Amino acid sequence: MDHLTLLAYAEDELNRVVAGLDETEMDVVTNCPPWTIRRLASHALKNQLFWAGTVTGQDLMTQDEAMAAVPYEGDLAPIAAEVTAVALRLWRSDGVMTADHDTPFGVLPGAVVLAFAVIDAAAHAWDLSASLRRPIEFPPESVPAMTDVVTLTCTDHAIELGLIKPPTVSPVDATDTERLMAAAGRTITRR
């Protein structure tokens, strides 16, 4: 599975998870305390705008606002649908994948920057669902490509910049998805 196809899967999954949130769940504290479901969902969506804007030269979202998890108000489902559709459309723009882009990591080709959008969407979809005790599992056919993305993005430098948490130890009986999320700094707990 190529990384652009993986991004489409991750955007769809993020959209699906956010659309499935209930208003009564918005104040639940997530696996990223003290962030609530609303704040984490807003952060995830704003990150998608940040990365898509970065590679297309558009000022869609500042990194500071995305990282601050300033919450969107109201129903998040239509916001998620719009953001994920726009982000995917922008990533498919001509020349984005081969051009070099200024990022928090320095100048990188679009094909590398894409990995950050993928891990952001996939990991945050997992965070939201796991925080509500309904963790998602990535399809088996996506695991090799997602492993490549985690290896590329979850680095010591990303940890130093505060963009990724240090890896955690996954349980012995962890699923492939749980092992990937542990490598991306998530603590795997089963309730």
N, C-alpha and C. Protein backbone atom coordinates (compact mmCIF):
# COMPACT_ATOMS: atom_id res chain seq x y z
N MET A 1 0.86 -1.17 0.00
CA MET A 1 0.00 0.00 0.00
C MET A 1 0.90 1.24 0.00
N ASP A 2 0.71 2.12 -0.97
CA ASP A 2 1.52 3.34 -1.00
C ASP A 2 1.01 4.31 0.06
N HIS A 3 1.84 5.29 0.39
CA HIS A 3 1.53 6.18 1.50
C HIS A 3 0.36 7.12 1.21
N LEU A 4 0.12 7.47 -0.04
CA LEU A 4 -1.04 8.31 -0.36
C LEU A 4 -2.34 7.51 -0.16
N THR A 5 -2.33 6.25 -0.51
CA THR A 5 -3.48 5.38 -0.24
C THR A 5 -3.66 5.22 1.27
N LEU A 6 -2.55 5.09 1.98
CA LEU A 6 -2.61 4.99 3.44
C LEU A 6 -3.17 6.27 4.05
N LEU A 7 -2.81 7.42 3.50
CA LEU A 7 -3.38 8.68 3.99
C LEU A 7 -4.89 8.70 3.78
N ALA A 8 -5.35 8.24 2.63
CA ALA A 8 -6.79 8.20 2.37
C ALA A 8 -7.49 7.33 3.42
N TYR A 9 -6.90 6.18 3.74
CA TYR A 9 -7.46 5.32 4.78
C TYR A 9 -7.47 6.06 6.12
N ALA A 10 -6.34 6.69 6.49
CA ALA A 10 -6.23 7.37 7.78
C ALA A 10 -7.21 8.54 7.88
N GLU A 11 -7.37 9.30 6.80
CA GLU A 11 -8.33 10.41 6.79
C GLU A 11 -9.75 9.88 6.95
N ASP A 12 -10.07 8.81 6.24
CA ASP A 12 -11.41 8.20 6.37
C ASP A 12 -11.65 7.72 7.79
N GLU A 13 -10.64 7.10 8.38
CA GLU A 13 -10.78 6.58 9.74
C GLU A 13 -10.95 7.73 10.74
N LEU A 14 -10.17 8.79 10.59
CA LEU A 14 -10.31 9.95 11.47
C LEU A 14 -11.70 10.55 11.33
N ASN A 15 -12.16 10.70 10.11
CA ASN A 15 -13.50 11.24 9.86
C ASN A 15 -14.56 10.34 10.49
N ARG A 16 -14.43 9.03 10.31
CA ARG A 16 -15.40 8.08 10.85
C ARG A 16 -15.45 8.15 12.38
N VAL A 17 -14.27 8.17 13.01
CA VAL A 17 -14.21 8.20 14.47
C VAL A 17 -14.81 9.49 15.01
N VAL A 18 -14.43 10.63 14.42
CA VAL A 18 -14.96 11.91 14.91
C VAL A 18 -16.47 11.99 14.67
N ALA A 19 -16.92 11.52 13.52
CA ALA A 19 -18.36 11.56 13.24
C ALA A 19 -19.14 10.69 14.21
N GLY A 20 -18.51 9.67 14.76
CA GLY A 20 -19.17 8.77 15.70
C GLY A 20 -19.17 9.24 17.14
N LEU A 21 -18.54 10.38 17.39
CA LEU A 21 -18.51 10.90 18.77
C LEU A 21 -19.87 11.46 19.16
N ASP A 22 -20.21 11.22 20.40
CA ASP A 22 -21.46 11.73 20.94
C ASP A 22 -21.17 12.98 21.77
N GLU A 23 -22.09 13.91 21.77
CA GLU A 23 -21.90 15.16 22.53
C GLU A 23 -21.59 14.87 24.00
N THR A 24 -22.15 13.80 24.54
CA THR A 24 -21.92 13.47 25.95
C THR A 24 -20.49 12.98 26.21
N GLU A 25 -19.74 12.67 25.16
CA GLU A 25 -18.36 12.18 25.30
C GLU A 25 -17.32 13.29 25.19
N MET A 26 -17.72 14.48 24.83
CA MET A 26 -16.77 15.54 24.50
C MET A 26 -15.88 15.98 25.66
N ASP A 27 -16.33 15.80 26.90
CA ASP A 27 -15.54 16.22 28.05
C ASP A 27 -14.76 15.08 28.69
N VAL A 28 -14.81 13.89 28.11
CA VAL A 28 -14.03 12.76 28.63
C VAL A 28 -12.55 13.07 28.43
N VAL A 29 -11.75 12.82 29.46
CA VAL A 29 -10.31 13.03 29.35
C VAL A 29 -9.73 11.86 28.55
N THR A 30 -8.87 12.18 27.62
CA THR A 30 -8.31 11.19 26.70
C THR A 30 -7.04 10.56 27.25
N ASN A 31 -6.44 9.69 26.44
CA ASN A 31 -5.15 9.11 26.77
C ASN A 31 -4.02 10.13 26.62
N CYS A 32 -4.35 11.35 26.30
CA CYS A 32 -3.40 12.47 26.23
C CYS A 32 -3.84 13.53 27.25
N PRO A 33 -3.81 13.18 28.56
CA PRO A 33 -4.32 14.12 29.56
C PRO A 33 -3.52 15.42 29.55
N PRO A 34 -4.11 16.54 29.80
CA PRO A 34 -5.48 16.74 30.27
C PRO A 34 -6.47 16.99 29.12
N TRP A 35 -6.08 16.67 27.89
CA TRP A 35 -6.96 16.96 26.76
C TRP A 35 -8.22 16.11 26.81
N THR A 36 -9.32 16.77 26.49
CA THR A 36 -10.60 16.09 26.38
C THR A 36 -10.79 15.56 24.96
N ILE A 37 -11.83 14.78 24.78
CA ILE A 37 -12.16 14.27 23.45
C ILE A 37 -12.32 15.44 22.46
N ARG A 38 -13.05 16.49 22.85
CA ARG A 38 -13.24 17.63 21.94
C ARG A 38 -11.91 18.27 21.57
N ARG A 39 -11.06 18.49 22.55
CA ARG A 39 -9.77 19.13 22.27
C ARG A 39 -8.88 18.25 21.40
N LEU A 40 -8.85 16.95 21.69
CA LEU A 40 -7.99 16.05 20.91
C LEU A 40 -8.51 15.92 19.48
N ALA A 41 -9.82 15.81 19.32
CA ALA A 41 -10.38 15.74 17.97
C ALA A 41 -10.08 17.03 17.21
N SER A 42 -10.22 18.16 17.87
CA SER A 42 -9.93 19.45 17.23
C SER A 42 -8.46 19.52 16.83
N HIS A 43 -7.58 19.10 17.73
CA HIS A 43 -6.14 19.06 17.45
C HIS A 43 -5.84 18.19 16.24
N ALA A 44 -6.44 17.01 16.19
CA ALA A 44 -6.21 16.09 15.07
C ALA A 44 -6.64 16.71 13.75
N LEU A 45 -7.80 17.33 13.73
CA LEU A 45 -8.30 17.95 12.50
C LEU A 45 -7.45 19.15 12.11
N LYS A 46 -7.06 19.95 13.08
CA LYS A 46 -6.22 21.12 12.77
C LYS A 46 -4.85 20.71 12.28
N ASN A 47 -4.32 19.59 12.80
CA ASN A 47 -3.05 19.09 12.29
C ASN A 47 -3.16 18.73 10.81
N GLN A 48 -4.28 18.16 10.40
CA GLN A 48 -4.45 17.82 8.99
C GLN A 48 -4.43 19.07 8.12
N LEU A 49 -5.05 20.14 8.62
CA LEU A 49 -5.01 21.41 7.89
C LEU A 49 -3.60 21.98 7.87
N PHE A 50 -2.90 21.87 8.99
CA PHE A 50 -1.52 22.36 9.04
C PHE A 50 -0.65 21.66 8.00
N TRP A 51 -0.67 20.31 7.99
CA TRP A 51 0.19 19.58 7.06
C TRP A 51 -0.20 19.83 5.60
N ALA A 52 -1.50 19.83 5.31
CA ALA A 52 -1.95 20.07 3.92
C ALA A 52 -1.60 21.48 3.48
N GLY A 53 -1.73 22.45 4.37
CA GLY A 53 -1.35 23.82 4.05
C GLY A 53 0.15 23.96 3.84
N THR A 54 0.92 23.24 4.64
CA THR A 54 2.39 23.29 4.53
C THR A 54 2.85 22.87 3.14
N VAL A 55 2.24 21.83 2.59
CA VAL A 55 2.72 21.31 1.30
C VAL A 55 2.09 22.00 0.10
N THR A 56 1.08 22.82 0.34
CA THR A 56 0.45 23.52 -0.79
C THR A 56 0.66 25.03 -0.72
N GLY A 57 1.42 25.49 0.27
CA GLY A 57 1.70 26.91 0.38
C GLY A 57 0.49 27.73 0.81
N GLN A 58 -0.45 27.08 1.48
CA GLN A 58 -1.65 27.79 1.95
C GLN A 58 -1.60 27.93 3.46
N ASP A 59 -2.07 29.06 3.94
CA ASP A 59 -2.10 29.31 5.38
C ASP A 59 -3.44 28.84 5.94
N LEU A 60 -3.60 27.51 6.05
CA LEU A 60 -4.85 26.92 6.52
C LEU A 60 -4.93 26.86 8.03
N MET A 61 -3.78 26.65 8.69
CA MET A 61 -3.74 26.49 10.13
C MET A 61 -2.30 26.69 10.59
N THR A 62 -2.11 27.47 11.63
CA THR A 62 -0.76 27.61 12.16
C THR A 62 -0.43 26.39 13.01
N GLN A 63 0.84 26.08 13.09
CA GLN A 63 1.26 24.96 13.92
C GLN A 63 0.94 25.25 15.39
N ASP A 64 1.11 26.51 15.82
CA ASP A 64 0.82 26.85 17.21
C ASP A 64 -0.63 26.59 17.57
N GLU A 65 -1.56 26.97 16.71
CA GLU A 65 -2.97 26.73 17.02
C GLU A 65 -3.30 25.24 17.00
N ALA A 66 -2.73 24.52 16.04
CA ALA A 66 -2.98 23.08 15.98
C ALA A 66 -2.45 22.39 17.23
N MET A 67 -1.25 22.76 17.66
CA MET A 67 -0.65 22.12 18.82
C MET A 67 -1.31 22.53 20.13
N ALA A 68 -1.95 23.68 20.16
CA ALA A 68 -2.61 24.15 21.38
C ALA A 68 -3.96 23.47 21.60
N ALA A 69 -4.43 22.76 20.61
CA ALA A 69 -5.72 22.04 20.69
C ALA A 69 -6.85 22.99 21.05
N VAL A 70 -6.84 24.15 20.42
CA VAL A 70 -7.96 25.07 20.60
C VAL A 70 -9.19 24.37 20.03
N PRO A 71 -10.22 24.16 20.86
CA PRO A 71 -11.33 23.32 20.40
C PRO A 71 -12.27 24.00 19.42
N TYR A 72 -12.73 23.21 18.46
CA TYR A 72 -13.85 23.63 17.64
C TYR A 72 -15.11 23.48 18.51
N GLU A 73 -16.04 24.39 18.34
CA GLU A 73 -17.30 24.32 19.07
C GLU A 73 -18.35 23.61 18.21
N GLY A 74 -19.38 23.13 18.85
CA GLY A 74 -20.51 22.54 18.13
C GLY A 74 -20.23 21.14 17.65
N ASP A 75 -21.01 20.72 16.67
CA ASP A 75 -20.95 19.38 16.11
C ASP A 75 -19.65 19.23 15.30
N LEU A 76 -18.84 18.27 15.67
CA LEU A 76 -17.56 18.07 14.99
C LEU A 76 -17.67 17.26 13.70
N ALA A 77 -18.78 16.54 13.52
CA ALA A 77 -18.91 15.67 12.34
C ALA A 77 -18.78 16.44 11.02
N PRO A 78 -19.50 17.55 10.82
CA PRO A 78 -19.33 18.24 9.53
C PRO A 78 -17.95 18.87 9.38
N ILE A 79 -17.35 19.27 10.48
CA ILE A 79 -16.00 19.83 10.42
C ILE A 79 -15.03 18.74 9.99
N ALA A 80 -15.15 17.56 10.58
CA ALA A 80 -14.27 16.44 10.23
C ALA A 80 -14.43 16.05 8.76
N ALA A 81 -15.66 16.00 8.30
CA ALA A 81 -15.90 15.64 6.89
C ALA A 81 -15.24 16.64 5.96
N GLU A 82 -15.38 17.92 6.26
CA GLU A 82 -14.79 18.95 5.41
C GLU A 82 -13.27 18.93 5.48
N VAL A 83 -12.72 18.88 6.68
CA VAL A 83 -11.27 18.93 6.85
C VAL A 83 -10.59 17.74 6.18
N THR A 84 -11.10 16.54 6.41
CA THR A 84 -10.44 15.37 5.84
C THR A 84 -10.54 15.35 4.32
N ALA A 85 -11.66 15.81 3.78
CA ALA A 85 -11.81 15.88 2.32
C ALA A 85 -10.87 16.91 1.72
N VAL A 86 -10.79 18.07 2.34
CA VAL A 86 -9.90 19.13 1.85
C VAL A 86 -8.45 18.68 1.93
N ALA A 87 -8.07 18.10 3.06
CA ALA A 87 -6.68 17.67 3.23
C ALA A 87 -6.29 16.65 2.16
N LEU A 88 -7.14 15.68 1.95
CA LEU A 88 -6.83 14.64 0.96
C LEU A 88 -6.76 15.23 -0.45
N ARG A 89 -7.68 16.13 -0.76
CA ARG A 89 -7.66 16.77 -2.08
C ARG A 89 -6.36 17.55 -2.28
N LEU A 90 -5.93 18.28 -1.26
CA LEU A 90 -4.70 19.08 -1.37
C LEU A 90 -3.47 18.19 -1.50
N TRP A 91 -3.43 17.08 -0.77
CA TRP A 91 -2.30 16.16 -0.89
C TRP A 91 -2.20 15.56 -2.28
N ARG A 92 -3.32 15.48 -2.98
CA ARG A 92 -3.33 14.92 -4.34
C ARG A 92 -3.01 15.96 -5.41
N SER A 93 -2.72 17.19 -5.00
CA SER A 93 -2.38 18.25 -5.96
C SER A 93 -1.10 17.91 -6.71
N ASP A 94 -1.05 18.36 -7.95
CA ASP A 94 0.13 18.11 -8.79
C ASP A 94 1.39 18.67 -8.14
N GLY A 95 2.42 17.87 -8.13
CA GLY A 95 3.74 18.29 -7.68
C GLY A 95 3.98 18.27 -6.18
N VAL A 96 2.94 18.07 -5.38
CA VAL A 96 3.09 18.11 -3.92
C VAL A 96 4.05 17.04 -3.42
N MET A 97 3.94 15.86 -3.96
CA MET A 97 4.75 14.74 -3.44
C MET A 97 6.23 14.87 -3.80
N THR A 98 6.54 15.51 -4.91
CA THR A 98 7.93 15.60 -5.35
C THR A 98 8.61 16.90 -4.96
N ALA A 99 7.84 17.91 -4.61
CA ALA A 99 8.42 19.21 -4.23
C ALA A 99 9.01 19.14 -2.82
N ASP A 100 9.92 20.06 -2.53
CA ASP A 100 10.46 20.21 -1.19
C ASP A 100 9.64 21.26 -0.44
N HIS A 101 9.44 21.02 0.87
CA HIS A 101 8.58 21.88 1.68
C HIS A 101 9.26 22.23 2.99
N ASP A 102 9.06 23.48 3.45
CA ASP A 102 9.54 23.90 4.76
C ASP A 102 8.63 23.30 5.83
N THR A 103 9.23 22.58 6.78
CA THR A 103 8.47 21.92 7.84
C THR A 103 9.15 22.20 9.18
N PRO A 104 8.54 21.80 10.29
CA PRO A 104 9.21 21.92 11.58
C PRO A 104 10.51 21.12 11.66
N PHE A 105 10.71 20.19 10.72
CA PHE A 105 11.90 19.35 10.69
C PHE A 105 12.93 19.84 9.68
N GLY A 106 12.67 20.98 9.07
CA GLY A 106 13.53 21.48 8.01
C GLY A 106 12.86 21.25 6.67
N VAL A 107 13.62 21.37 5.61
CA VAL A 107 13.09 21.20 4.26
C VAL A 107 13.06 19.70 3.94
N LEU A 108 11.85 19.23 3.57
CA LEU A 108 11.66 17.81 3.28
C LEU A 108 10.81 17.64 2.03
N PRO A 109 11.03 16.56 1.28
CA PRO A 109 10.17 16.29 0.12
C PRO A 109 8.76 15.92 0.58
N GLY A 110 7.79 16.21 -0.26
CA GLY A 110 6.39 15.94 0.06
C GLY A 110 6.14 14.50 0.43
N ALA A 111 6.83 13.58 -0.22
CA ALA A 111 6.62 12.16 0.09
C ALA A 111 7.00 11.84 1.54
N VAL A 112 7.93 12.59 2.11
CA VAL A 112 8.31 12.40 3.51
C VAL A 112 7.33 13.13 4.42
N VAL A 113 6.96 14.35 4.07
CA VAL A 113 6.01 15.13 4.88
C VAL A 113 4.69 14.39 4.98
N LEU A 114 4.30 13.72 3.92
CA LEU A 114 3.05 12.95 3.91
C LEU A 114 2.99 11.98 5.08
N ALA A 115 4.11 11.38 5.44
CA ALA A 115 4.13 10.42 6.55
C ALA A 115 3.66 11.05 7.85
N PHE A 116 3.96 12.33 8.06
CA PHE A 116 3.52 13.01 9.28
C PHE A 116 2.00 13.20 9.30
N ALA A 117 1.43 13.50 8.14
CA ALA A 117 -0.03 13.61 8.07
C ALA A 117 -0.68 12.25 8.32
N VAL A 118 -0.07 11.19 7.80
CA VAL A 118 -0.61 9.85 7.99
C VAL A 118 -0.60 9.47 9.47
N ILE A 119 0.56 9.61 10.12
CA ILE A 119 0.63 9.18 11.52
C ILE A 119 -0.26 10.05 12.39
N ASP A 120 -0.35 11.33 12.07
CA ASP A 120 -1.23 12.22 12.83
C ASP A 120 -2.68 11.75 12.75
N ALA A 121 -3.16 11.49 11.55
CA ALA A 121 -4.56 11.07 11.38
C ALA A 121 -4.81 9.71 11.99
N ALA A 122 -3.95 8.74 11.71
CA ALA A 122 -4.17 7.38 12.19
C ALA A 122 -4.03 7.29 13.71
N ALA A 123 -2.97 7.87 14.26
CA ALA A 123 -2.75 7.77 15.71
C ALA A 123 -3.83 8.51 16.49
N HIS A 124 -4.26 9.66 15.99
CA HIS A 124 -5.30 10.39 16.71
C HIS A 124 -6.67 9.74 16.58
N ALA A 125 -6.94 9.10 15.46
CA ALA A 125 -8.17 8.32 15.36
C ALA A 125 -8.13 7.19 16.39
N TRP A 126 -6.98 6.54 16.52
CA TRP A 126 -6.83 5.48 17.51
C TRP A 126 -6.96 6.05 18.92
N ASP A 127 -6.30 7.19 19.19
CA ASP A 127 -6.38 7.81 20.52
C ASP A 127 -7.83 8.08 20.93
N LEU A 128 -8.57 8.70 20.03
CA LEU A 128 -9.96 9.04 20.33
C LEU A 128 -10.77 7.78 20.63
N SER A 129 -10.64 6.78 19.78
CA SER A 129 -11.44 5.57 19.97
C SER A 129 -10.98 4.79 21.21
N ALA A 130 -9.68 4.70 21.43
CA ALA A 130 -9.18 3.98 22.60
C ALA A 130 -9.58 4.69 23.90
N SER A 131 -9.60 6.01 23.87
CA SER A 131 -9.98 6.78 25.06
C SER A 131 -11.43 6.53 25.45
N LEU A 132 -12.23 6.11 24.47
CA LEU A 132 -13.64 5.82 24.72
C LEU A 132 -13.91 4.32 24.82
N ARG A 133 -12.84 3.55 24.99
CA ARG A 133 -12.92 2.10 25.16
C ARG A 133 -13.49 1.38 23.95
N ARG A 134 -13.23 1.91 22.78
CA ARG A 134 -13.61 1.21 21.56
C ARG A 134 -12.47 1.34 20.53
N PRO A 135 -11.30 0.80 20.92
CA PRO A 135 -10.11 0.96 20.07
C PRO A 135 -10.30 0.36 18.68
N ILE A 136 -9.73 1.04 17.73
CA ILE A 136 -9.78 0.56 16.34
C ILE A 136 -8.55 -0.30 16.06
N GLU A 137 -8.66 -1.11 15.06
CA GLU A 137 -7.55 -1.92 14.57
C GLU A 137 -7.32 -1.56 13.11
N PHE A 138 -6.07 -1.33 12.75
CA PHE A 138 -5.76 -1.05 11.35
C PHE A 138 -5.90 -2.35 10.56
N PRO A 139 -6.39 -2.27 9.32
CA PRO A 139 -6.51 -3.49 8.52
C PRO A 139 -5.13 -4.12 8.28
N PRO A 140 -5.06 -5.44 8.27
CA PRO A 140 -3.76 -6.12 8.11
C PRO A 140 -2.97 -5.65 6.90
N GLU A 141 -3.66 -5.35 5.80
CA GLU A 141 -2.94 -4.92 4.59
C GLU A 141 -2.29 -3.55 4.74
N SER A 142 -2.70 -2.77 5.75
CA SER A 142 -2.10 -1.45 5.97
C SER A 142 -0.91 -1.49 6.92
N VAL A 143 -0.74 -2.57 7.65
CA VAL A 143 0.29 -2.63 8.70
C VAL A 143 1.71 -2.43 8.15
N PRO A 144 2.12 -3.07 7.05
CA PRO A 144 3.48 -2.82 6.56
C PRO A 144 3.73 -1.34 6.21
N ALA A 145 2.79 -0.71 5.53
CA ALA A 145 2.96 0.70 5.19
C ALA A 145 2.92 1.57 6.44
N MET A 146 2.05 1.24 7.39
CA MET A 146 1.98 2.01 8.63
C MET A 146 3.26 1.83 9.44
N THR A 147 3.84 0.66 9.39
CA THR A 147 5.13 0.43 10.05
C THR A 147 6.20 1.34 9.45
N ASP A 148 6.22 1.45 8.13
CA ASP A 148 7.16 2.36 7.46
C ASP A 148 6.96 3.80 7.95
N VAL A 149 5.70 4.22 8.05
CA VAL A 149 5.38 5.59 8.47
C VAL A 149 5.84 5.83 9.91
N VAL A 150 5.57 4.87 10.79
CA VAL A 150 5.99 5.02 12.19
C VAL A 150 7.51 5.11 12.27
N THR A 151 8.21 4.27 11.53
CA THR A 151 9.67 4.30 11.53
C THR A 151 10.20 5.64 11.03
N LEU A 152 9.56 6.19 10.02
CA LEU A 152 10.00 7.45 9.43
C LEU A 152 9.70 8.66 10.31
N THR A 153 8.60 8.62 11.05
CA THR A 153 8.14 9.80 11.79
C THR A 153 8.43 9.78 13.28
N CYS A 154 8.45 8.64 13.87
CA CYS A 154 8.59 8.54 15.33
C CYS A 154 10.07 8.40 15.68
N THR A 155 10.78 9.49 15.52
CA THR A 155 12.23 9.52 15.68
C THR A 155 12.62 10.31 16.92
N ASP A 156 13.87 10.18 17.29
CA ASP A 156 14.38 10.96 18.43
C ASP A 156 14.21 12.46 18.18
N HIS A 157 14.43 12.89 16.94
CA HIS A 157 14.30 14.32 16.62
C HIS A 157 12.85 14.79 16.80
N ALA A 158 11.90 13.99 16.36
CA ALA A 158 10.48 14.34 16.53
C ALA A 158 10.13 14.39 18.02
N ILE A 159 10.72 13.49 18.81
CA ILE A 159 10.49 13.50 20.25
C ILE A 159 11.08 14.77 20.86
N GLU A 160 12.30 15.13 20.45
CA GLU A 160 12.95 16.35 20.96
C GLU A 160 12.13 17.60 20.67
N LEU A 161 11.48 17.62 19.50
CA LEU A 161 10.66 18.77 19.12
C LEU A 161 9.30 18.77 19.82
N GLY A 162 8.99 17.70 20.52
CA GLY A 162 7.72 17.60 21.22
C GLY A 162 6.55 17.23 20.34
N LEU A 163 6.83 16.74 19.13
CA LEU A 163 5.76 16.37 18.21
C LEU A 163 5.29 14.93 18.41
N ILE A 164 6.15 14.11 18.96
CA ILE A 164 5.85 12.70 19.19
C ILE A 164 6.32 12.37 20.61
N LYS A 165 5.60 11.50 21.28
CA LYS A 165 6.03 11.03 22.60
C LYS A 165 7.00 9.87 22.43
N PRO A 166 7.86 9.63 23.43
CA PRO A 166 8.76 8.48 23.35
C PRO A 166 7.98 7.17 23.27
N PRO A 167 8.55 6.17 22.62
CA PRO A 167 7.86 4.88 22.52
C PRO A 167 7.61 4.28 23.90
N THR A 168 6.58 3.47 23.98
CA THR A 168 6.25 2.75 25.21
C THR A 168 6.37 1.26 24.95
N VAL A 169 6.30 0.50 26.01
CA VAL A 169 6.36 -0.96 25.88
C VAL A 169 4.94 -1.47 25.70
N SER A 170 4.75 -2.28 24.69
CA SER A 170 3.41 -2.84 24.46
C SER A 170 3.28 -4.18 25.17
N PRO A 171 2.05 -4.56 25.51
CA PRO A 171 1.84 -5.85 26.17
C PRO A 171 2.31 -7.00 25.27
N VAL A 172 2.63 -8.12 25.88
CA VAL A 172 3.11 -9.29 25.15
C VAL A 172 2.09 -9.73 24.10
N ASP A 173 0.82 -9.63 24.44
CA ASP A 173 -0.23 -10.07 23.53
C ASP A 173 -0.80 -8.93 22.67
N ALA A 174 -0.02 -7.88 22.50
CA ALA A 174 -0.48 -6.72 21.73
C ALA A 174 -0.78 -7.08 20.28
N THR A 175 -1.76 -6.39 19.74
CA THR A 175 -2.07 -6.54 18.31
C THR A 175 -1.05 -5.74 17.51
N ASP A 176 -1.05 -5.94 16.20
CA ASP A 176 -0.15 -5.14 15.34
C ASP A 176 -0.42 -3.65 15.51
N THR A 177 -1.69 -3.28 15.59
CA THR A 177 -2.04 -1.87 15.77
C THR A 177 -1.53 -1.35 17.09
N GLU A 178 -1.70 -2.11 18.14
CA GLU A 178 -1.22 -1.67 19.46
C GLU A 178 0.30 -1.53 19.48
N ARG A 179 1.02 -2.44 18.82
CA ARG A 179 2.48 -2.32 18.76
C ARG A 179 2.89 -1.04 18.02
N LEU A 180 2.18 -0.73 16.94
CA LEU A 180 2.47 0.50 16.20
C LEU A 180 2.18 1.73 17.05
N MET A 181 1.09 1.71 17.77
CA MET A 181 0.73 2.86 18.61
C MET A 181 1.70 3.00 19.78
N ALA A 182 2.20 1.91 20.32
CA ALA A 182 3.22 1.98 21.37
C ALA A 182 4.51 2.59 20.81
N ALA A 183 4.87 2.21 19.59
CA ALA A 183 6.05 2.79 18.94
C ALA A 183 5.86 4.28 18.69
N ALA A 184 4.58 4.71 18.57
CA ALA A 184 4.27 6.12 18.37
C ALA A 184 4.01 6.83 19.70
N GLY A 185 4.40 6.20 20.81
CA GLY A 185 4.34 6.86 22.09
C GLY A 185 3.06 6.69 22.88
N ARG A 186 2.20 5.79 22.45
CA ARG A 186 0.94 5.57 23.17
C ARG A 186 1.10 4.47 24.21
N THR A 187 0.49 4.68 25.37
CA THR A 187 0.46 3.65 26.39
C THR A 187 -0.75 2.77 26.12
N ILE A 188 -0.50 1.49 26.01
CA ILE A 188 -1.58 0.55 25.69
C ILE A 188 -2.17 0.03 27.00
N THR A 189 -3.43 0.38 27.22
CA THR A 189 -4.12 -0.11 28.42
C THR A 189 -5.40 -0.77 27.96
N ARG A 190 -5.73 -1.82 28.63
CA ARG A 190 -6.98 -2.52 28.34
C ARG A 190 -7.85 -2.41 29.57
N ARG A 191 -9.05 -1.94 29.38
CA ARG A 191 -9.96 -1.73 30.53
C ARG A 191 -11.04 -2.75 30.56
